[in-house]
PDB file of N, CA and C in Angstrom:
ATOM      1  N   MET A   1       0.966  -1.154   0.063  1.00  0.00           N
ATOM      2  CA  MET A   1       0.060   0.016  -0.053  1.00  0.00           C
ATOM      3  C   MET A   1       0.786   1.214  -0.068  1.00  0.00           C
ATOM      4  N   THR A   2       0.212   2.199  -0.524  1.00  0.00           N
ATOM      5  CA  THR A   2       0.998   3.561  -0.534  1.00  0.00           C
ATOM      6  C   THR A   2       0.731   4.413   0.770  1.00  0.00           C
ATOM      7  N   ILE A   3       1.710   5.197   1.190  1.00  0.00           N
ATOM      8  CA  ILE A   3       1.580   5.956   2.303  1.00  0.00           C
ATOM      9  C   ILE A   3       1.183   7.371   1.912  1.00  0.00           C
ATOM     10  N   TYR A   4       0.485   8.078   2.659  1.00  0.00           N
ATOM     11  CA  TYR A   4       0.194   9.433   2.453  1.00  0.00           C
ATOM     12  C   TYR A   4       0.314  10.240   3.699  1.00  0.00           C
ATOM     13  N   ILE A   5       0.714  11.466   3.653  1.00  0.00           N
ATOM     14  CA  ILE A   5       0.546  12.332   4.857  1.00  0.00           C
ATOM     15  C   ILE A   5      -0.550  13.442   4.620  1.00  0.00           C
ATOM     16  N   VAL A   6      -1.452  13.308   5.503  1.00  0.00           N
ATOM     17  CA  VAL A   6      -2.547  14.306   5.276  1.00  0.00           C
ATOM     18  C   VAL A   6      -2.503  15.326   6.193  1.00  0.00           C
ATOM     19  N   PHE A   7      -2.327  16.605   5.966  1.00  0.00           N
ATOM     20  CA  PHE A   7      -2.403  17.702   6.754  1.00  0.00           C
ATOM     21  C   PHE A   7      -3.733  18.263   6.772  1.00  0.00           C
ATOM     22  N   VAL A   8      -4.107  18.632   8.042  1.00  0.00           N
ATOM     23  CA  VAL A   8      -5.602  19.004   8.061  1.00  0.00           C
ATOM     24  C   VAL A   8      -5.804  20.243   8.905  1.00  0.00           C
ATOM     25  N   SER A   9      -6.679  21.214   8.423  1.00  0.00           N
ATOM     26  CA  SER A   9      -6.910  22.379   9.112  1.00  0.00           C
ATOM     27  C   SER A   9      -8.338  22.459   9.240  1.00  0.00           C
ATOM     28  N   TRP A  10      -8.875  23.040  10.273  1.00  0.00           N
ATOM     29  CA  TRP A  10     -10.300  23.089  10.573  1.00  0.00           C
ATOM     30  C   TRP A  10     -10.888  24.421   9.953  1.00  0.00           C
ATOM     31  N   THR A  11     -11.862  24.359   9.326  1.00  0.00           N
ATOM     32  CA  THR A  11     -12.547  25.548   8.784  1.00  0.00           C
ATOM     33  C   THR A  11     -13.329  26.330   9.953  1.00  0.00           C
ATOM     34  N   ASP A  12     -13.796  27.431   9.604  1.00  0.00           N
ATOM     35  CA  ASP A  12     -14.650  28.112  10.773  1.00  0.00           C
ATOM     36  C   ASP A  12     -15.624  27.188  11.262  1.00  0.00           C
ATOM     37  N   GLN A  13     -16.403  26.575  10.387  1.00  0.00           N
ATOM     38  CA  GLN A  13     -17.546  25.430  10.868  1.00  0.00           C
ATOM     39  C   GLN A  13     -16.758  24.417  11.522  1.00  0.00           C
ATOM     40  N   GLY A  14     -15.828  23.885  11.139  1.00  0.00           N
ATOM     41  CA  GLY A  14     -15.140  22.856  11.956  1.00  0.00           C
ATOM     42  C   GLY A  14     -14.663  23.116  13.449  1.00  0.00           C
ATOM     43  N   ILE A  15     -14.087  24.326  13.483  1.00  0.00           N
ATOM     44  CA  ILE A  15     -13.744  24.861  14.841  1.00  0.00           C
ATOM     45  C   ILE A  15     -14.994  25.115  15.816  1.00  0.00           C
ATOM     46  N   LYS A  16     -15.977  25.576  15.046  1.00  0.00           N
ATOM     47  CA  LYS A  16     -17.141  25.996  15.671  1.00  0.00           C
ATOM     48  C   LYS A  16     -17.753  24.757  16.468  1.00  0.00           C
ATOM     49  N   ASN A  17     -17.636  23.576  15.809  1.00  0.00           N
ATOM     50  CA  ASN A  17     -18.171  22.375  16.253  1.00  0.00           C
ATOM     51  C   ASN A  17     -17.014  21.426  16.603  1.00  0.00           C
ATOM     52  N   VAL A  18     -15.892  21.803  17.241  1.00  0.00           N
ATOM     53  CA  VAL A  18     -14.796  21.123  17.493  1.00  0.00           C
ATOM     54  C   VAL A  18     -15.069  19.909  18.457  1.00  0.00           C
ATOM     55  N   LYS A  19     -16.062  20.038  19.219  1.00  0.00           N
ATOM     56  CA  LYS A  19     -16.372  18.990  20.190  1.00  0.00           C
ATOM     57  C   LYS A  19     -16.811  17.677  19.536  1.00  0.00           C
ATOM     58  N   ASP A  20     -17.283  17.877  18.146  1.00  0.00           N
ATOM     59  CA  ASP A  20     -17.725  16.744  17.332  1.00  0.00           C
ATOM     60  C   ASP A  20     -16.687  16.183  16.584  1.00  0.00           C
ATOM     61  N   SER A  21     -15.329  16.811  16.729  1.00  0.00           N
ATOM     62  CA  SER A  21     -14.191  16.247  15.904  1.00  0.00           C
ATOM     63  C   SER A  21     -13.768  14.886  16.203  1.00  0.00           C
ATOM     64  N   PRO A  22     -13.782  14.385  17.387  1.00  0.00           N
ATOM     65  CA  PRO A  22     -13.415  12.874  17.534  1.00  0.00           C
ATOM     66  C   PRO A  22     -14.394  11.968  16.777  1.00  0.00           C
ATOM     67  N   GLY A  23     -15.752  12.297  16.863  1.00  0.00           N
ATOM     68  CA  GLY A  23     -16.600  11.521  15.936  1.00  0.00           C
ATOM     69  C   GLY A  23     -16.477  11.619  14.530  1.00  0.00           C
ATOM     70  N   ARG A  24     -16.094  12.793  14.131  1.00  0.00           N
ATOM     71  CA  ARG A  24     -15.712  12.864  12.561  1.00  0.00           C
ATOM     72  C   ARG A  24     -14.429  12.122  12.266  1.00  0.00           C
ATOM     73  N   LEU A  25     -13.362  12.037  13.096  1.00  0.00           N
ATOM     74  CA  LEU A  25     -12.376  11.247  12.875  1.00  0.00           C
ATOM     75  C   LEU A  25     -12.814   9.703  12.824  1.00  0.00           C
ATOM     76  N   ASP A  26     -13.405   9.370  13.746  1.00  0.00           N
ATOM     77  CA  ASP A  26     -13.845   7.905  13.679  1.00  0.00           C
ATOM     78  C   ASP A  26     -14.554   7.666  12.305  1.00  0.00           C
ATOM     79  N   ALA A  27     -15.351   8.482  11.931  1.00  0.00           N
ATOM     80  CA  ALA A  27     -16.112   8.388  10.586  1.00  0.00           C
ATOM     81  C   ALA A  27     -14.996   8.307   9.458  1.00  0.00           C
ATOM     82  N   ALA A  28     -14.138   9.185   9.466  1.00  0.00           N
ATOM     83  CA  ALA A  28     -13.141   9.278   8.422  1.00  0.00           C
ATOM     84  C   ALA A  28     -12.249   7.884   8.382  1.00  0.00           C
ATOM     85  N   LYS A  29     -11.913   7.379   9.579  1.00  0.00           N
ATOM     86  CA  LYS A  29     -11.294   6.092   9.718  1.00  0.00           C
ATOM     87  C   LYS A  29     -12.126   4.857   9.108  1.00  0.00           C
ATOM     88  N   LYS A  30     -13.395   5.000   9.403  1.00  0.00           N
ATOM     89  CA  LYS A  30     -14.239   3.873   8.825  1.00  0.00           C
ATOM     90  C   LYS A  30     -14.250   4.082   7.400  1.00  0.00           C
ATOM     91  N   MET A  31     -14.507   5.273   6.879  1.00  0.00           N
ATOM     92  CA  MET A  31     -14.595   5.585   5.342  1.00  0.00           C
ATOM     93  C   MET A  31     -13.390   5.027   4.646  1.00  0.00           C
ATOM     94  N   LEU A  32     -12.255   5.372   5.247  1.00  0.00           N
ATOM     95  CA  LEU A  32     -10.906   4.803   4.502  1.00  0.00           C
ATOM     96  C   LEU A  32     -10.796   3.319   4.776  1.00  0.00           C
ATOM     97  N   SER A  33     -11.249   2.812   5.642  1.00  0.00           N
ATOM     98  CA  SER A  33     -11.194   1.374   5.910  1.00  0.00           C
ATOM     99  C   SER A  33     -12.173   0.679   4.970  1.00  0.00           C
ATOM    100  N   ASP A  34     -13.304   1.168   4.817  1.00  0.00           N
ATOM    101  CA  ASP A  34     -14.326   0.609   3.836  1.00  0.00           C
ATOM    102  C   ASP A  34     -13.635   0.757   2.364  1.00  0.00           C
ATOM    103  N   MET A  35     -12.799   1.686   2.121  1.00  0.00           N
ATOM    104  CA  MET A  35     -12.117   1.842   0.671  1.00  0.00           C
ATOM    105  C   MET A  35     -10.931   0.988   0.554  1.00  0.00           C
ATOM    106  N   GLY A  36     -10.501   0.135   1.758  1.00  0.00           N
ATOM    107  CA  GLY A  36      -9.296  -0.628   1.557  1.00  0.00           C
ATOM    108  C   GLY A  36      -8.034  -0.016   2.094  1.00  0.00           C
ATOM    109  N   GLY A  37      -8.201   1.162   2.905  1.00  0.00           N
ATOM    110  CA  GLY A  37      -7.039   1.688   3.375  1.00  0.00           C
ATOM    111  C   GLY A  37      -7.100   1.872   4.986  1.00  0.00           C
ATOM    112  N   ASN A  38      -6.208   2.565   5.595  1.00  0.00           N
ATOM    113  CA  ASN A  38      -6.413   2.775   7.005  1.00  0.00           C
ATOM    114  C   ASN A  38      -5.457   3.901   7.446  1.00  0.00           C
ATOM    115  N   PHE A  39      -5.843   4.382   8.729  1.00  0.00           N
ATOM    116  CA  PHE A  39      -5.140   5.456   9.290  1.00  0.00           C
ATOM    117  C   PHE A  39      -4.066   4.740  10.078  1.00  0.00           C
ATOM    118  N   ARG A  40      -2.788   5.064   9.895  1.00  0.00           N
ATOM    119  CA  ARG A  40      -1.617   4.515  10.521  1.00  0.00           C
ATOM    120  C   ARG A  40      -1.429   5.255  11.784  1.00  0.00           C
ATOM    121  N   GLU A  41      -1.445   6.591  11.668  1.00  0.00           N
ATOM    122  CA  GLU A  41      -1.169   7.331  12.937  1.00  0.00           C
ATOM    123  C   GLU A  41      -1.932   8.591  12.800  1.00  0.00           C
ATOM    124  N   PHE A  42      -2.391   9.225  13.866  1.00  0.00           N
ATOM    125  CA  PHE A  42      -3.038  10.568  13.832  1.00  0.00           C
ATOM    126  C   PHE A  42      -2.570  11.369  14.888  1.00  0.00           C
ATOM    127  N   TYR A  43      -2.303  12.685  14.741  1.00  0.00           N
ATOM    128  CA  TYR A  43      -1.877  13.707  15.735  1.00  0.00           C
ATOM    129  C   TYR A  43      -2.524  14.992  15.613  1.00  0.00           C
ATOM    130  N   LEU A  44      -2.859  15.617  16.711  1.00  0.00           N
ATOM    131  CA  LEU A  44      -3.265  16.852  16.833  1.00  0.00           C
ATOM    132  C   LEU A  44      -2.025  17.736  16.898  1.00  0.00           C
ATOM    133  N   THR A  45      -1.965  18.653  16.144  1.00  0.00           N
ATOM    134  CA  THR A  45      -0.642  19.436  15.908  1.00  0.00           C
ATOM    135  C   THR A  45      -0.693  20.971  16.277  1.00  0.00           C
ATOM    136  N   MET A  46       0.374  21.639  16.485  1.00  0.00           N
ATOM    137  CA  MET A  46       0.527  23.034  16.625  1.00  0.00           C
ATOM    138  C   MET A  46       1.313  23.668  15.449  1.00  0.00           C
ATOM    139  N   GLY A  47       0.793  24.680  15.169  1.00  0.00           N
ATOM    140  CA  GLY A  47       1.534  25.350  13.974  1.00  0.00           C
ATOM    141  C   GLY A  47       0.653  25.674  12.755  1.00  0.00           C
ATOM    142  N   GLU A  48       1.258  25.400  11.550  1.00  0.00           N
ATOM    143  CA  GLU A  48       0.526  25.831  10.359  1.00  0.00           C
ATOM    144  C   GLU A  48      -0.859  24.806  10.201  1.00  0.00           C
ATOM    145  N   PHE A  49      -0.778  23.631  10.728  1.00  0.00           N
ATOM    146  CA  PHE A  49      -1.845  22.729  10.553  1.00  0.00           C
ATOM    147  C   PHE A  49      -2.379  22.274  11.929  1.00  0.00           C
ATOM    148  N   ASP A  50      -3.654  22.008  11.984  1.00  0.00           N
ATOM    149  CA  ASP A  50      -4.347  21.616  13.085  1.00  0.00           C
ATOM    150  C   ASP A  50      -4.188  20.097  13.476  1.00  0.00           C
ATOM    151  N   MET A  51      -4.178  19.463  12.564  1.00  0.00           N
ATOM    152  CA  MET A  51      -3.981  17.685  12.719  1.00  0.00           C
ATOM    153  C   MET A  51      -3.089  17.239  11.583  1.00  0.00           C
ATOM    154  N   MET A  52      -2.709  16.073  11.768  1.00  0.00           N
ATOM    155  CA  MET A  52      -1.904  15.319  10.687  1.00  0.00           C
ATOM    156  C   MET A  52      -2.145  13.876  10.760  1.00  0.00           C
ATOM    157  N   ALA A  53      -2.366  13.209   9.683  1.00  0.00           N
ATOM    158  CA  ALA A  53      -2.651  11.885   9.654  1.00  0.00           C
ATOM    159  C   ALA A  53      -1.731  11.025   8.724  1.00  0.00           C
ATOM    160  N   ILE A  54      -1.158   9.991   9.028  1.00  0.00           N
ATOM    161  CA  ILE A  54      -0.373   9.174   8.236  1.00  0.00           C
ATOM    162  C   ILE A  54      -1.203   8.002   7.810  1.00  0.00           C
ATOM    163  N   CYS A  55      -1.646   7.831   6.476  1.00  0.00           N
ATOM    164  CA  CYS A  55      -2.674   7.060   5.992  1.00  0.00           C
ATOM    165  C   CYS A  55      -2.033   6.015   4.933  1.00  0.00           C
ATOM    166  N   GLU A  56      -2.500   4.908   4.789  1.00  0.00           N
ATOM    167  CA  GLU A  56      -2.262   3.858   3.782  1.00  0.00           C
ATOM    168  C   GLU A  56      -3.558   3.761   2.881  1.00  0.00           C
ATOM    169  N   ALA A  57      -3.197   3.692   1.728  1.00  0.00           N
ATOM    170  CA  ALA A  57      -4.372   3.351   0.697  1.00  0.00           C
ATOM    171  C   ALA A  57      -3.777   2.564  -0.462  1.00  0.00           C
ATOM    172  N   PRO A  58      -4.732   1.878  -1.180  1.00  0.00           N
ATOM    173  CA  PRO A  58      -4.293   0.980  -2.138  1.00  0.00           C
ATOM    174  C   PRO A  58      -3.597   1.871  -3.378  1.00  0.00           C
ATOM    175  N   ASP A  59      -4.280   3.050  -3.529  1.00  0.00           N
ATOM    176  CA  ASP A  59      -3.641   3.836  -4.721  1.00  0.00           C
ATOM    177  C   ASP A  59      -4.234   5.383  -4.524  1.00  0.00           C
ATOM    178  N   ASP A  60      -3.720   6.191  -5.476  1.00  0.00           N
ATOM    179  CA  ASP A  60      -3.903   7.575  -5.292  1.00  0.00           C
ATOM    180  C   ASP A  60      -5.524   7.975  -5.378  1.00  0.00           C
ATOM    181  N   ALA A  61      -6.096   7.301  -6.158  1.00  0.00           N
ATOM    182  CA  ALA A  61      -7.492   7.660  -6.259  1.00  0.00           C
ATOM    183  C   ALA A  61      -8.268   7.392  -5.151  1.00  0.00           C
ATOM    184  N   VAL A  62      -7.941   6.442  -4.255  1.00  0.00           N
ATOM    185  CA  VAL A  62      -8.701   6.143  -2.964  1.00  0.00           C
ATOM    186  C   VAL A  62      -8.459   7.272  -2.004  1.00  0.00           C
ATOM    187  N   ILE A  63      -7.064   7.762  -1.804  1.00  0.00           N
ATOM    188  CA  ILE A  63      -6.970   8.815  -0.772  1.00  0.00           C
ATOM    189  C   ILE A  63      -7.572  10.082  -1.468  1.00  0.00           C
ATOM    190  N   ALA A  64      -7.490  10.278  -2.752  1.00  0.00           N
ATOM    191  CA  ALA A  64      -8.141  11.532  -3.344  1.00  0.00           C
ATOM    192  C   ALA A  64      -9.654  11.517  -2.970  1.00  0.00           C
ATOM    193  N   ARG A  65     -10.315  10.400  -3.344  1.00  0.00           N
ATOM    194  CA  ARG A  65     -11.806  10.300  -2.896  1.00  0.00           C
ATOM    195  C   ARG A  65     -12.090  10.536  -1.512  1.00  0.00           C
ATOM    196  N   MET A  66     -11.195   9.982  -0.626  1.00  0.00           N
ATOM    197  CA  MET A  66     -11.443  10.311   0.897  1.00  0.00           C
ATOM    198  C   MET A  66     -11.268  11.656   1.129  1.00  0.00           C
ATOM    199  N   VAL A  67     -10.318  12.314   0.853  1.00  0.00           N
ATOM    200  CA  VAL A  67     -10.151  13.815   1.201  1.00  0.00           C
ATOM    201  C   VAL A  67     -11.135  14.594   0.567  1.00  0.00           C
ATOM    202  N   LEU A  68     -11.518  14.208  -0.643  1.00  0.00           N
ATOM    203  CA  LEU A  68     -12.706  15.076  -1.372  1.00  0.00           C
ATOM    204  C   LEU A  68     -13.912  14.972  -0.543  1.00  0.00           C
ATOM    205  N   MET A  69     -14.241  13.807  -0.131  1.00  0.00           N
ATOM    206  CA  MET A  69     -15.402  13.459   0.550  1.00  0.00           C
ATOM    207  C   MET A  69     -15.353  14.166   2.017  1.00  0.00           C
ATOM    208  N   LEU A  70     -14.196  14.052   2.615  1.00  0.00           N
ATOM    209  CA  LEU A  70     -14.125  14.801   4.036  1.00  0.00           C
ATOM    210  C   LEU A  70     -14.370  16.323   3.722  1.00  0.00           C
ATOM    211  N   GLY A  71     -13.749  16.897   2.604  1.00  0.00           N
ATOM    212  CA  GLY A  71     -13.852  18.215   2.338  1.00  0.00           C
ATOM    213  C   GLY A  71     -15.271  18.683   2.057  1.00  0.00           C
ATOM    214  N   GLN A  72     -16.123  17.821   1.516  1.00  0.00           N
ATOM    215  CA  GLN A  72     -17.499  18.194   1.230  1.00  0.00           C
ATOM    216  C   GLN A  72     -18.236  18.374   2.437  1.00  0.00           C
ATOM    217  N   THR A  73     -17.835  17.941   3.676  1.00  0.00           N
ATOM    218  CA  THR A  73     -18.436  18.167   4.920  1.00  0.00           C
ATOM    219  C   THR A  73     -18.475  19.669   5.437  1.00  0.00           C
ATOM    220  N   GLY A  74     -17.361  20.358   4.936  1.00  0.00           N
ATOM    221  CA  GLY A  74     -17.179  21.736   5.301  1.00  0.00           C
ATOM    222  C   GLY A  74     -16.498  21.987   6.498  1.00  0.00           C
ATOM    223  N   ASN A  75     -15.995  20.879   7.247  1.00  0.00           N
ATOM    224  CA  ASN A  75     -15.366  20.981   8.570  1.00  0.00           C
ATOM    225  C   ASN A  75     -13.732  21.135   8.395  1.00  0.00           C
ATOM    226  N   ILE A  76     -13.278  20.759   7.384  1.00  0.00           N
ATOM    227  CA  ILE A  76     -11.755  20.795   7.306  1.00  0.00           C
ATOM    228  C   ILE A  76     -11.339  21.123   5.939  1.00  0.00           C
ATOM    229  N   ARG A  77     -10.097  21.487   5.836  1.00  0.00           N
ATOM    230  CA  ARG A  77      -9.441  21.539   4.521  1.00  0.00           C
ATOM    231  C   ARG A  77      -8.066  20.634   4.629  1.00  0.00           C
ATOM    232  N   THR A  78      -7.739  20.052   3.609  1.00  0.00           N
ATOM    233  CA  THR A  78      -6.581  19.093   3.661  1.00  0.00           C
ATOM    234  C   THR A  78      -5.507  19.542   2.677  1.00  0.00           C
ATOM    235  N   ARG A  79      -4.377  19.122   2.883  1.00  0.00           N
ATOM    236  CA  ARG A  79      -3.278  19.015   2.066  1.00  0.00           C
ATOM    237  C   ARG A  79      -2.720  17.655   2.109  1.00  0.00           C
ATOM    238  N   THR A  80      -2.417  17.026   1.090  1.00  0.00           N
ATOM    239  CA  THR A  80      -2.017  15.558   1.035  1.00  0.00           C
ATOM    240  C   THR A  80      -0.702  15.495   0.133  1.00  0.00           C
ATOM    241  N   VAL A  81       0.219  14.771   0.804  1.00  0.00           N
ATOM    242  CA  VAL A  81       1.387  14.562   0.119  1.00  0.00           C
ATOM    243  C   VAL A  81       1.576  12.885   0.007  1.00  0.00           C
ATOM    244  N   LYS A  82       2.227  12.409  -1.088  1.00  0.00           N
ATOM    245  CA  LYS A  82       2.645  11.034  -1.002  1.00  0.00           C
ATOM    246  C   LYS A  82       3.972  10.856  -0.525  1.00  0.00           C
ATOM    247  N   ALA A  83       4.146   9.750   0.352  1.00  0.00           N
ATOM    248  CA  ALA A  83       5.307   9.582   1.033  1.00  0.00           C
ATOM    249  C   ALA A  83       5.965   8.176   0.596  1.00  0.00           C
ATOM    250  N   PHE A  84       7.217   8.213   0.435  1.00  0.00           N
ATOM    251  CA  PHE A  84       8.147   7.003   0.025  1.00  0.00           C
ATOM    252  C   PHE A  84       8.869   6.580   1.211  1.00  0.00           C
ATOM    253  N   PRO A  85       8.801   5.248   1.494  1.00  0.00           N
ATOM    254  CA  PRO A  85       9.422   4.762   2.679  1.00  0.00           C
ATOM    255  C   PRO A  85      11.059   4.711   2.273  1.00  0.00           C
ATOM    256  N   GLU A  86      11.827   4.614   3.348  1.00  0.00           N
ATOM    257  CA  GLU A  86      13.171   4.562   3.129  1.00  0.00           C
ATOM    258  C   GLU A  86      13.739   3.732   2.075  1.00  0.00           C
ATOM    259  N   SER A  87      13.223   2.412   1.991  1.00  0.00           N
ATOM    260  CA  SER A  87      13.643   1.527   1.056  1.00  0.00           C
ATOM    261  C   SER A  87      13.306   2.110  -0.427  1.00  0.00           C
ATOM    262  N   ALA A  88      12.266   2.652  -0.590  1.00  0.00           N
ATOM    263  CA  ALA A  88      11.978   3.349  -1.952  1.00  0.00           C
ATOM    264  C   ALA A  88      12.764   4.470  -2.196  1.00  0.00           C
ATOM    265  N   TYR A  89      13.109   5.273  -1.225  1.00  0.00           N
ATOM    266  CA  TYR A  89      14.018   6.421  -1.265  1.00  0.00           C
ATOM    267  C   TYR A  89      15.420   5.814  -1.909  1.00  0.00           C
ATOM    268  N   ARG A  90      16.008   4.962  -1.142  1.00  0.00           N
ATOM    269  CA  ARG A  90      17.164   4.331  -1.623  1.00  0.00           C
ATOM    270  C   ARG A  90      17.133   3.984  -2.983  1.00  0.00           C
ATOM    271  N   GLU A  91      16.201   3.158  -3.323  1.00  0.00           N
ATOM    272  CA  GLU A  91      16.093   2.565  -4.751  1.00  0.00           C
ATOM    273  C   GLU A  91      15.953   3.618  -5.801  1.00  0.00           C
ATOM    274  N   ILE A  92      15.187   4.795  -5.524  1.00  0.00           N
ATOM    275  CA  ILE A  92      15.047   5.868  -6.307  1.00  0.00           C
ATOM    276  C   ILE A  92      16.357   6.580  -6.639  1.00  0.00           C
ATOM    277  N   ILE A  93      17.213   6.906  -5.506  1.00  0.00           N
ATOM    278  CA  ILE A  93      18.482   7.497  -5.516  1.00  0.00           C
ATOM    279  C   ILE A  93      19.510   6.693  -6.312  1.00  0.00           C
ATOM    280  N   ASN A  94      19.486   5.274  -5.889  1.00  0.00           N
ATOM    281  CA  ASN A  94      20.260   4.438  -6.584  1.00  0.00           C
ATOM    282  C   ASN A  94      20.185   4.234  -8.224  1.00  0.00           C
ATOM    283  N   SER A  95      18.954   4.507  -8.545  1.00  0.00           N
ATOM    284  CA  SER A  95      18.585   4.469 -10.100  1.00  0.00           C
ATOM    285  C   SER A  95      19.183   5.704 -10.730  1.00  0.00           C
ATOM    286  N   LEU A  96      19.548   6.533 -10.007  1.00  0.00           N
ATOM    287  CA  LEU A  96      19.988   7.920 -10.750  1.00  0.00           C
ATOM    288  C   LEU A  96      21.372   7.488 -11.543  1.00  0.00           C
ATOM    289  N   GLY A  97      22.111   6.479 -11.324  1.00  0.00           N
ATOM    290  CA  GLY A  97      23.232   6.173 -12.065  1.00  0.00           C
ATOM    291  C   GLY A  97      24.508   6.675 -11.385  1.00  0.00           C
TER     292      GLY A  97
END
């Protein structure tokens, strides 16, 4: 499975209803699980983003679908990056010649 790092920021609506956030996280975990992926780790963060999740998904389309569906709720905005594990990093660097 591919690893993705999802940076999350609350919208005005999301922070207004922040007490509902744990339930929304549970729903997001179930949504991704139903699509064949999972949340490996989740963090409340300080700084530019409010939360960060490390997720696994079978492909880019699955993670894109999940973040779009979450965005439709109006509670969060996301920024997602694809992450390569160390073994892939080494393979990519070694392939440079």
